[in-house]
Amino acid sequence: MARNGRGGGQSVKAARRAEVVLPELAGWEGGALEPDGDYDGLEFADLDLAGQEAVGARFMDCALRRCGLDGAGLVKARVLDSVLEEVRGVGVDLAGASLRDVELVDARLGGVQMHGAVLERVLVRGGKIDYLNLRQARLRDVVFEGCVLVEPDFGGAVLERVEFRDCVLRGADVTGARLVDVDLRGAVELGVARGVESLAGAVISPSQLFDLAPVLAAQLGVRVVG
């Protein structure tokens, strides 16, 4: 079991879980999203938002439910106190975005660009995300619960008080990442493809250590011969 990044025993601080309580929402009746748009107290339901550009937009107390987001441009968007439920899409661009007090529920996403993003008090529950790019991102008080993450890229990211509960983490890249109070013990599948040396600051279970043994041996240049 890896020690936490502060060097003090085996304890790990729990993430502060996002709990979003939305006010009564008005249905969105506008047209396309706009760059630097300001969206407050709105529900976007069953909409095709594919390819729309909302660079720098702000979503506050909003719900996006069952919306298509293929190729949506949300660079540097701010998503605050909001719920994204059953959204789907490939190539969503959230580079440099800020998500605070957000719940992402049962999403089906692929190739999501979130490099340089800031996530604080975010809950990702259920669903599947393929090729999530979180390079150079900052994650604080983030919980991944009951979801499947295929080849997520945490290269150079900072993760503090991040928990993986009942989820699958497959082919992760943590090269150059800095981990503080990251709890991986709840992951039902833990696969690290690159950067295993950066797991200092995480807590894993004894069985997970066994699963990671081949990667650790390869990193150390150790050959295991039967």
Protein backbone atom coordinates (compact mmCIF):
# COMPACT_ATOMS: atom_id res chain seq x y z
CA MET A 1 0.00 0.00 0.00
CA ALA A 2 1.43 3.35 -1.02
CA ARG A 3 1.86 5.98 1.62
CA ASN A 4 0.23 9.34 1.25
CA GLY A 5 2.22 12.25 -0.12
CA ARG A 6 2.72 13.81 3.32
CA GLY A 7 4.68 10.82 4.56
CA GLY A 8 2.50 10.31 7.61
CA GLY A 9 1.30 6.72 7.97
CA GLN A 10 -1.32 5.05 5.84
CA SER A 11 -4.23 7.48 6.27
CA VAL A 12 -5.88 9.28 3.39
CA LYS A 13 -8.15 12.30 3.58
CA ALA A 14 -11.61 11.76 2.11
CA ALA A 15 -12.87 13.88 -0.76
CA ARG A 16 -15.61 16.38 -0.05
CA ARG A 17 -18.43 15.02 -2.15
CA ALA A 18 -20.37 17.28 -4.51
CA GLU A 19 -24.05 17.55 -3.58
CA VAL A 20 -25.89 19.72 -6.09
CA VAL A 21 -29.35 21.04 -5.19
CA LEU A 22 -30.89 22.78 -8.19
CA PRO A 23 -33.53 25.50 -7.97
CA GLU A 24 -36.64 25.39 -10.14
CA LEU A 25 -35.35 25.52 -13.69
CA ALA A 26 -36.66 27.17 -16.83
CA GLY A 27 -36.53 25.22 -20.07
CA TRP A 28 -34.01 26.47 -22.62
CA GLU A 29 -35.86 27.99 -25.56
CA GLY A 30 -32.97 29.75 -27.25
CA GLY A 31 -31.12 28.69 -30.34
CA ALA A 32 -27.46 27.78 -30.52
CA LEU A 33 -25.12 28.28 -27.61
CA GLU A 34 -22.91 31.34 -27.87
CA PRO A 35 -19.32 32.14 -26.97
CA ASP A 36 -19.14 33.89 -23.58
CA GLY A 37 -22.83 33.14 -23.09
CA ASP A 38 -24.29 33.40 -19.59
CA TYR A 39 -26.75 30.61 -18.73
CA ASP A 40 -28.37 30.65 -15.30
CA GLY A 41 -31.10 28.42 -13.88
CA LEU A 42 -31.81 26.62 -17.17
CA GLU A 43 -32.60 23.07 -18.19
CA PHE A 44 -31.23 21.78 -21.51
CA ALA A 45 -33.12 18.55 -22.19
CA ASP A 46 -33.04 16.17 -25.18
CA LEU A 47 -31.14 18.62 -27.38
CA ASP A 48 -28.57 18.06 -30.10
CA LEU A 49 -25.77 20.50 -29.25
CA ALA A 50 -23.25 18.86 -31.58
CA GLY A 51 -20.62 21.19 -32.97
CA GLN A 52 -21.86 24.25 -31.12
CA GLU A 53 -19.30 26.78 -29.91
CA ALA A 54 -19.62 28.16 -26.40
CA VAL A 55 -16.05 29.18 -25.64
CA GLY A 56 -15.87 30.94 -22.28
CA ALA A 57 -19.57 30.39 -21.53
CA ARG A 58 -20.86 30.23 -17.96
CA PHE A 59 -23.42 27.68 -16.78
CA MET A 60 -24.75 28.31 -13.27
CA ASP A 61 -27.46 26.20 -11.58
CA CYS A 62 -28.14 24.38 -14.85
CA ALA A 63 -29.08 20.86 -15.90
CA LEU A 64 -28.06 19.23 -19.19
CA ARG A 65 -30.08 16.05 -19.62
CA ARG A 66 -29.82 13.55 -22.49
CA CYS A 67 -28.07 16.07 -24.75
CA GLY A 68 -25.78 15.23 -27.67
CA LEU A 69 -22.42 16.99 -27.41
CA ASP A 70 -20.41 15.62 -30.33
CA GLY A 71 -17.63 18.08 -31.14
CA ALA A 72 -19.04 20.78 -28.87
CA GLY A 73 -16.55 23.58 -28.19
CA LEU A 74 -16.62 24.52 -24.50
CA VAL A 75 -13.04 25.72 -24.10
CA LYS A 76 -12.59 27.70 -20.87
CA ALA A 77 -16.27 27.31 -20.01
CA ARG A 78 -17.34 27.56 -16.36
CA VAL A 79 -19.82 25.00 -15.10
CA LEU A 80 -20.98 25.74 -11.56
CA ASP A 81 -23.54 24.05 -9.28
CA SER A 82 -24.88 22.05 -12.20
CA VAL A 83 -25.88 18.53 -13.23
CA LEU A 84 -25.01 16.79 -16.51
CA GLU A 85 -27.13 13.68 -16.86
CA GLU A 86 -26.94 11.06 -19.63
CA VAL A 87 -25.03 13.38 -21.93
CA ARG A 88 -23.27 11.72 -24.85
CA GLY A 89 -20.74 12.69 -27.45
CA VAL A 90 -17.30 12.30 -28.97
CA GLY A 91 -14.66 15.01 -29.09
CA VAL A 92 -16.14 17.42 -26.55
CA ASP A 93 -13.58 20.19 -25.97
CA LEU A 94 -13.46 21.41 -22.37
CA ALA A 95 -9.80 22.43 -22.37
CA GLY A 96 -9.09 24.95 -19.63
CA ALA A 97 -12.65 24.70 -18.33
CA SER A 98 -13.62 25.10 -14.69
CA LEU A 99 -16.10 22.70 -13.06
CA ARG A 100 -17.14 23.34 -9.46
CA ASP A 101 -19.90 21.55 -7.56
CA VAL A 102 -20.88 19.46 -10.59
CA GLU A 103 -22.46 16.02 -10.94
CA LEU A 104 -21.82 14.08 -14.17
CA VAL A 105 -24.20 11.12 -14.17
CA ASP A 106 -24.40 8.18 -16.60
CA ALA A 107 -22.45 9.93 -19.34
CA ARG A 108 -21.31 8.19 -22.52
CA LEU A 109 -18.37 10.21 -23.79
CA GLY A 110 -15.24 9.66 -25.84
CA GLY A 111 -12.15 11.71 -26.56
CA VAL A 112 -13.05 14.44 -24.06
CA GLN A 113 -10.42 17.19 -24.01
CA MET A 114 -10.00 18.58 -20.50
CA HIS A 115 -6.30 19.39 -20.46
CA GLY A 116 -5.58 22.29 -18.15
CA ALA A 117 -9.08 22.12 -16.66
CA VAL A 118 -9.86 22.70 -12.97
CA LEU A 119 -12.29 20.31 -11.25
CA GLU A 120 -13.38 20.98 -7.69
CA ARG A 121 -16.07 19.04 -5.84
CA VAL A 122 -17.06 17.00 -8.88
CA LEU A 123 -18.88 13.65 -8.81
CA VAL A 124 -18.64 11.38 -11.86
CA ARG A 125 -21.19 8.61 -11.28
CA GLY A 126 -21.96 5.77 -13.68
CA GLY A 127 -21.47 5.76 -17.42
CA LYS A 128 -18.33 5.31 -19.51
CA ILE A 129 -15.69 7.78 -20.68
CA ASP A 130 -13.09 6.71 -23.24
CA TYR A 131 -9.78 8.56 -23.72
CA LEU A 132 -10.37 11.32 -21.17
CA ASN A 133 -7.57 13.89 -21.50
CA LEU A 134 -6.84 15.50 -18.14
CA ARG A 135 -3.21 16.38 -18.81
CA GLN A 136 -1.99 19.29 -16.65
CA ALA A 137 -5.44 19.51 -15.02
CA ARG A 138 -6.11 20.14 -11.33
CA LEU A 139 -8.55 17.88 -9.52
CA ARG A 140 -9.58 18.52 -5.94
CA ASP A 141 -12.36 16.69 -4.08
CA VAL A 142 -13.32 14.61 -7.11
CA VAL A 143 -15.11 11.24 -6.83
CA PHE A 144 -15.33 8.68 -9.64
CA GLU A 145 -18.07 6.24 -8.68
CA GLY A 146 -19.41 3.23 -10.56
CA CYS A 147 -18.02 4.43 -13.89
CA VAL A 148 -15.66 3.04 -16.52
CA LEU A 149 -12.61 5.07 -17.54
CA VAL A 150 -10.74 3.69 -20.55
CA GLU A 151 -7.21 5.01 -21.07
CA PRO A 152 -7.60 8.25 -19.10
CA ASP A 153 -4.60 10.56 -19.30
CA PHE A 154 -3.60 12.27 -16.04
CA GLY A 155 -0.14 13.21 -17.30
CA GLY A 156 1.28 16.14 -15.34
CA ALA A 157 -2.00 16.64 -13.47
CA VAL A 158 -2.41 17.44 -9.78
CA LEU A 159 -4.89 15.22 -7.93
CA GLU A 160 -5.81 16.05 -4.34
CA ARG A 161 -8.46 14.18 -2.35
CA VAL A 162 -9.62 12.11 -5.32
CA GLU A 163 -11.48 8.82 -4.82
CA PHE A 164 -12.23 5.93 -7.16
CA ARG A 165 -15.20 3.89 -5.91
CA ASP A 166 -16.56 0.75 -7.60
CA CYS A 167 -15.16 1.93 -10.91
CA VAL A 168 -12.95 0.55 -13.65
CA LEU A 169 -9.69 2.38 -14.36
CA ARG A 170 -8.17 0.81 -17.45
CA GLY A 171 -4.87 1.74 -19.13
CA ALA A 172 -4.36 4.97 -17.16
CA ASP A 173 -1.40 7.28 -17.81
CA VAL A 174 -0.22 9.10 -14.69
CA THR A 175 3.19 10.14 -15.99
CA GLY A 176 4.46 13.16 -14.07
CA ALA A 177 1.25 13.50 -12.06
CA ARG A 178 1.31 14.66 -8.45
CA LEU A 179 -1.04 12.76 -6.16
CA VAL A 180 -2.07 13.76 -2.65
CA ASP A 181 -4.66 11.74 -0.71
CA VAL A 182 -5.77 9.77 -3.76
CA ASP A 183 -7.74 6.66 -2.77
CA LEU A 184 -7.66 3.89 -5.37
CA ARG A 185 -8.73 1.08 -3.06
CA GLY A 186 -12.32 1.11 -4.27
CA ALA A 187 -11.45 0.58 -7.94
CA VAL A 188 -12.72 -2.84 -9.05
CA GLU A 189 -10.14 -2.80 -11.84
CA LEU A 190 -6.92 -0.82 -11.64
CA GLY A 191 -4.76 -0.70 -14.74
CA VAL A 192 -1.84 1.72 -15.08
CA ALA A 193 -0.19 1.70 -18.50
CA ARG A 194 2.37 4.45 -17.91
CA GLY A 195 3.77 6.46 -15.03
CA VAL A 196 3.42 3.92 -12.24
CA GLU A 197 6.31 5.68 -10.48
CA SER A 198 4.00 8.69 -10.01
CA LEU A 199 1.59 6.76 -7.79
CA ALA A 200 3.35 8.07 -4.67
CA GLY A 201 0.64 9.85 -2.72
CA ALA A 202 -2.01 7.23 -3.56
CA VAL A 203 -3.42 4.48 -1.38
CA ILE A 204 -4.02 1.04 -2.89
CA SER A 205 -5.08 -2.34 -1.50
CA PRO A 206 -2.81 -5.38 -1.15
CA SER A 207 -4.61 -7.12 -4.02
CA GLN A 208 -4.10 -4.09 -6.25
CA LEU A 209 -0.40 -4.15 -5.44
CA PHE A 210 -0.33 -7.70 -6.75
CA ASP A 211 -2.11 -6.60 -9.94
CA LEU A 212 0.39 -3.78 -10.45
CA ALA A 213 3.42 -6.00 -9.82
CA PRO A 214 4.22 -6.61 -13.53
CA VAL A 215 4.18 -2.87 -14.28
CA LEU A 216 6.30 -2.13 -11.21
CA ALA A 217 8.78 -4.84 -12.18
CA ALA A 218 9.06 -3.45 -15.69
CA GLN A 219 9.63 0.04 -14.29
CA LEU A 220 12.44 -1.25 -12.09
CA GLY A 221 13.94 -3.29 -14.90
CA VAL A 222 13.32 -6.53 -13.03
CA ARG A 223 12.76 -9.71 -15.04
CA VAL A 224 10.43 -12.24 -13.49
CA VAL A 225 11.42 -15.73 -14.60
CA GLY A 226 9.49 -18.85 -13.59
